[in-house]
């Protein structure tokens, strides 16, 4: 069962962007970042790409 988020099309806050950058630099996985920010993995991927961040691909 996958988790569903009810926050559709919400604008990014400054605090969320700061956390996204911090988590990406720490090397957290996409799934962990999405859960921490309560946003979808797709939303995280799109914003990270727009900001030029690379998200760790854990295997």
Protein backbone atom coordinates (compact mmCIF):
# COMPACT_ATOMS: atom_id res chain seq x y z
CA UNK A 1 0.00 0.00 0.00
CA UNK A 2 1.46 3.34 -1.00
CA UNK A 3 1.09 6.51 0.99
CA UNK A 4 -0.94 9.26 -0.65
CA UNK A 5 -0.46 12.94 0.05
CA UNK A 6 -3.41 15.31 0.00
CA UNK A 7 -1.35 18.45 -0.63
CA UNK A 8 -1.79 18.91 -4.36
CA UNK A 9 -0.05 21.77 -6.17
CA UNK A 10 1.06 23.55 -3.01
CA UNK A 11 3.76 26.22 -3.52
CA UNK A 12 7.15 25.53 -1.96
CA UNK A 13 7.93 27.50 1.19
CA UNK A 14 11.38 28.88 1.95
CA UNK A 15 11.75 26.43 4.86
CA UNK A 16 10.87 23.46 2.65
CA UNK A 17 13.45 24.53 0.08
CA UNK A 18 16.11 24.86 2.77
CA UNK A 19 15.30 21.36 4.05
CA UNK A 20 15.32 19.93 0.52
CA UNK A 21 18.79 21.33 -0.12
CA UNK A 22 20.04 20.09 3.27
CA UNK A 23 18.64 16.57 2.78
CA UNK A 24 20.05 16.34 -0.76
CA UNK A 25 23.51 17.38 0.46
CA UNK A 26 23.32 14.77 3.24
CA UNK A 27 22.65 12.11 0.61
CA UNK A 28 19.18 11.09 1.75
CA UNK A 29 17.09 8.94 -0.58
CA UNK A 30 14.20 10.31 -2.59
CA UNK A 31 11.69 8.32 -0.56
CA UNK A 32 13.10 9.59 2.76
CA UNK A 33 13.07 13.21 1.59
CA UNK A 34 9.50 12.88 0.32
CA UNK A 35 8.36 11.48 3.65
CA UNK A 36 10.22 14.14 5.66
CA UNK A 37 8.70 16.98 3.61
CA UNK A 38 5.28 15.28 3.20
CA UNK A 39 5.42 15.75 -0.56
CA UNK A 40 5.30 13.22 -3.38
CA UNK A 41 8.48 11.72 -4.78
CA UNK A 42 7.61 13.20 -8.16
CA UNK A 43 7.29 16.68 -6.64
CA UNK A 44 10.71 16.29 -4.97
CA UNK A 45 12.30 15.11 -8.24
CA UNK A 46 10.89 18.02 -10.22
CA UNK A 47 11.97 20.65 -7.69
CA UNK A 48 15.43 19.11 -7.21
CA UNK A 49 15.98 19.13 -10.97
CA UNK A 50 14.84 22.75 -11.21
CA UNK A 51 17.29 23.71 -8.44
CA UNK A 52 20.14 21.66 -9.93
CA UNK A 53 20.28 19.21 -7.02
CA UNK A 54 21.12 15.55 -7.32
CA UNK A 55 19.20 13.07 -5.19
CA UNK A 56 21.02 9.93 -4.06
CA UNK A 57 19.87 6.71 -5.67
CA UNK A 58 20.15 4.09 -2.96
CA UNK A 59 20.25 0.48 -4.06
